[in-house]
Amino acid sequence: MTHSSALTAENPQAQNSEHEATLTTADRCDACGAQAFVRVTMTKGPLYFCAHHWHAHEEGLRPVATDILDETDRLTTAV
């Protein structure tokens, strides 16, 4: 995975540029409150997920999302 990837219906392979906003420690998972590493933009607004809940719901969300920012690779990147 790349640092951040934005997938859209118009361009499923699009990549975010480095200047676009990334998720911060203030962004929390809507399902459990843990730190969010994925933002899924829907037609009515964004949903935030920790890696666990993203993987649990990814299959159902990908077809209906207008944009996905996936930064789960930050969990394995050396500091």
C-alpha atoms as a PDB file:
ATOM      1  CA  MET A   1       0.000   0.000   0.000  1.00  0.00           C
ATOM      2  CA  THR A   2       1.042   3.561  -0.541  1.00  0.00           C
ATOM      3  CA  HIS A   3       1.126   6.128   2.278  1.00  0.00           C
ATOM      4  CA  SER A   4      -2.350   7.272   1.376  1.00  0.00           C
ATOM      5  CA  SER A   5      -4.576   6.131  -1.419  1.00  0.00           C
ATOM      6  CA  ALA A   6      -7.719   7.820  -2.610  1.00  0.00           C
ATOM      7  CA  LEU A   7     -10.007   5.592  -4.606  1.00  0.00           C
ATOM      8  CA  THR A   8     -12.963   7.112  -6.396  1.00  0.00           C
ATOM      9  CA  ALA A   9     -15.668   5.845  -8.704  1.00  0.00           C
ATOM     10  CA  GLU A  10     -14.262   8.057 -11.472  1.00  0.00           C
ATOM     11  CA  ASN A  11     -10.637   6.987 -10.952  1.00  0.00           C
ATOM     12  CA  PRO A  12     -10.251   3.785  -8.919  1.00  0.00           C
ATOM     13  CA  GLN A  13      -6.446   3.906  -9.080  1.00  0.00           C
ATOM     14  CA  ALA A  14      -5.976   7.563  -8.050  1.00  0.00           C
ATOM     15  CA  GLN A  15      -3.342   8.335  -5.435  1.00  0.00           C
ATOM     16  CA  ASN A  16      -3.441  11.251  -2.996  1.00  0.00           C
ATOM     17  CA  SER A  17      -0.653  13.735  -3.428  1.00  0.00           C
ATOM     18  CA  GLU A  18       1.602  14.401  -0.441  1.00  0.00           C
ATOM     19  CA  HIS A  19       0.018  17.819   0.235  1.00  0.00           C
ATOM     20  CA  GLU A  20      -3.464  16.443   0.892  1.00  0.00           C
ATOM     21  CA  ALA A  21      -4.669  16.186   4.476  1.00  0.00           C
ATOM     22  CA  THR A  22      -3.869  13.028   6.360  1.00  0.00           C
ATOM     23  CA  LEU A  23      -5.563  11.542   9.385  1.00  0.00           C
ATOM     24  CA  THR A  24      -4.403  12.646  12.821  1.00  0.00           C
ATOM     25  CA  THR A  25      -4.565  11.175  16.314  1.00  0.00           C
ATOM     26  CA  ALA A  26      -7.704  13.288  16.837  1.00  0.00           C
ATOM     27  CA  ASP A  27      -9.548  11.265  14.157  1.00  0.00           C
ATOM     28  CA  ARG A  28     -11.380   8.413  15.899  1.00  0.00           C
ATOM     29  CA  CYS A  29     -13.064   5.239  14.654  1.00  0.00           C
ATOM     30  CA  ASP A  30     -16.833   5.672  14.447  1.00  0.00           C
ATOM     31  CA  ALA A  31     -17.306   2.051  15.531  1.00  0.00           C
ATOM     32  CA  CYS A  32     -15.106   1.869  18.651  1.00  0.00           C
ATOM     33  CA  GLY A  33     -13.335   5.177  19.298  1.00  0.00           C
ATOM     34  CA  ALA A  34      -9.802   3.908  18.576  1.00  0.00           C
ATOM     35  CA  GLN A  35      -7.478   5.982  16.389  1.00  0.00           C
ATOM     36  CA  ALA A  36      -8.766   6.073  12.818  1.00  0.00           C
ATOM     37  CA  PHE A  37      -6.466   5.068   9.985  1.00  0.00           C
ATOM     38  CA  VAL A  38      -9.131   5.042   7.254  1.00  0.00           C
ATOM     39  CA  ARG A  39     -11.568   7.748   6.153  1.00  0.00           C
ATOM     40  CA  VAL A  40     -14.375   6.585   3.876  1.00  0.00           C
ATOM     41  CA  THR A  41     -16.265   9.412   2.224  1.00  0.00           C
ATOM     42  CA  MET A  42     -19.872   8.626   1.463  1.00  0.00           C
ATOM     43  CA  THR A  43     -22.416  10.826  -0.310  1.00  0.00           C
ATOM     44  CA  LYS A  44     -23.687  12.077   3.090  1.00  0.00           C
ATOM     45  CA  GLY A  45     -20.259  12.563   4.678  1.00  0.00           C
ATOM     46  CA  PRO A  46     -17.207  10.756   6.005  1.00  0.00           C
ATOM     47  CA  LEU A  47     -16.923   7.626   8.126  1.00  0.00           C
ATOM     48  CA  TYR A  48     -13.766   6.914  10.138  1.00  0.00           C
ATOM     49  CA  PHE A  49     -12.400   3.457  10.940  1.00  0.00           C
ATOM     50  CA  CYS A  50      -9.576   1.850  12.866  1.00  0.00           C
ATOM     51  CA  ALA A  51      -7.749  -0.862  10.906  1.00  0.00           C
ATOM     52  CA  HIS A  52      -9.790  -3.634  12.566  1.00  0.00           C
ATOM     53  CA  HIS A  53     -13.195  -2.171  11.709  1.00  0.00           C
ATOM     54  CA  TRP A  54     -12.064  -1.116   8.230  1.00  0.00           C
ATOM     55  CA  HIS A  55     -11.065  -4.688   7.398  1.00  0.00           C
ATOM     56  CA  ALA A  56     -14.349  -5.960   8.858  1.00  0.00           C
ATOM     57  CA  HIS A  57     -16.455  -3.626   6.639  1.00  0.00           C
ATOM     58  CA  GLU A  58     -14.192  -2.936   3.639  1.00  0.00           C
ATOM     59  CA  GLU A  59     -15.925  -5.308   1.237  1.00  0.00           C
ATOM     60  CA  GLY A  60     -19.315  -3.662   1.727  1.00  0.00           C
ATOM     61  CA  LEU A  61     -18.030  -0.075   1.760  1.00  0.00           C
ATOM     62  CA  ARG A  62     -15.760  -0.061  -1.303  1.00  0.00           C
ATOM     63  CA  PRO A  63     -18.616  -0.263  -3.847  1.00  0.00           C
ATOM     64  CA  VAL A  64     -20.559   2.639  -2.293  1.00  0.00           C
ATOM     65  CA  ALA A  65     -17.744   4.983  -1.182  1.00  0.00           C
ATOM     66  CA  THR A  66     -16.985   8.114  -3.181  1.00  0.00           C
ATOM     67  CA  ASP A  67     -13.443   8.323  -1.742  1.00  0.00           C
ATOM     68  CA  ILE A  68     -11.222   6.227   0.531  1.00  0.00           C
ATOM     69  CA  LEU A  69      -8.154   7.468   2.394  1.00  0.00           C
ATOM     70  CA  ASP A  70      -6.340   4.386   3.702  1.00  0.00           C
ATOM     71  CA  GLU A  71      -3.353   5.031   5.961  1.00  0.00           C
ATOM     72  CA  THR A  72      -3.209   1.601   7.568  1.00  0.00           C
ATOM     73  CA  ASP A  73       0.340   1.231   6.261  1.00  0.00           C
ATOM     74  CA  ARG A  74       1.364   3.697   8.997  1.00  0.00           C
ATOM     75  CA  LEU A  75       0.789   0.872  11.470  1.00  0.00           C
ATOM     76  CA  THR A  76       3.751  -1.046  10.067  1.00  0.00           C
ATOM     77  CA  THR A  77       6.037   1.830   9.074  1.00  0.00           C
ATOM     78  CA  ALA A  78       9.130   2.164  11.248  1.00  0.00           C
ATOM     79  CA  VAL A  79       9.350   5.418  13.198  1.00  0.00           C
END
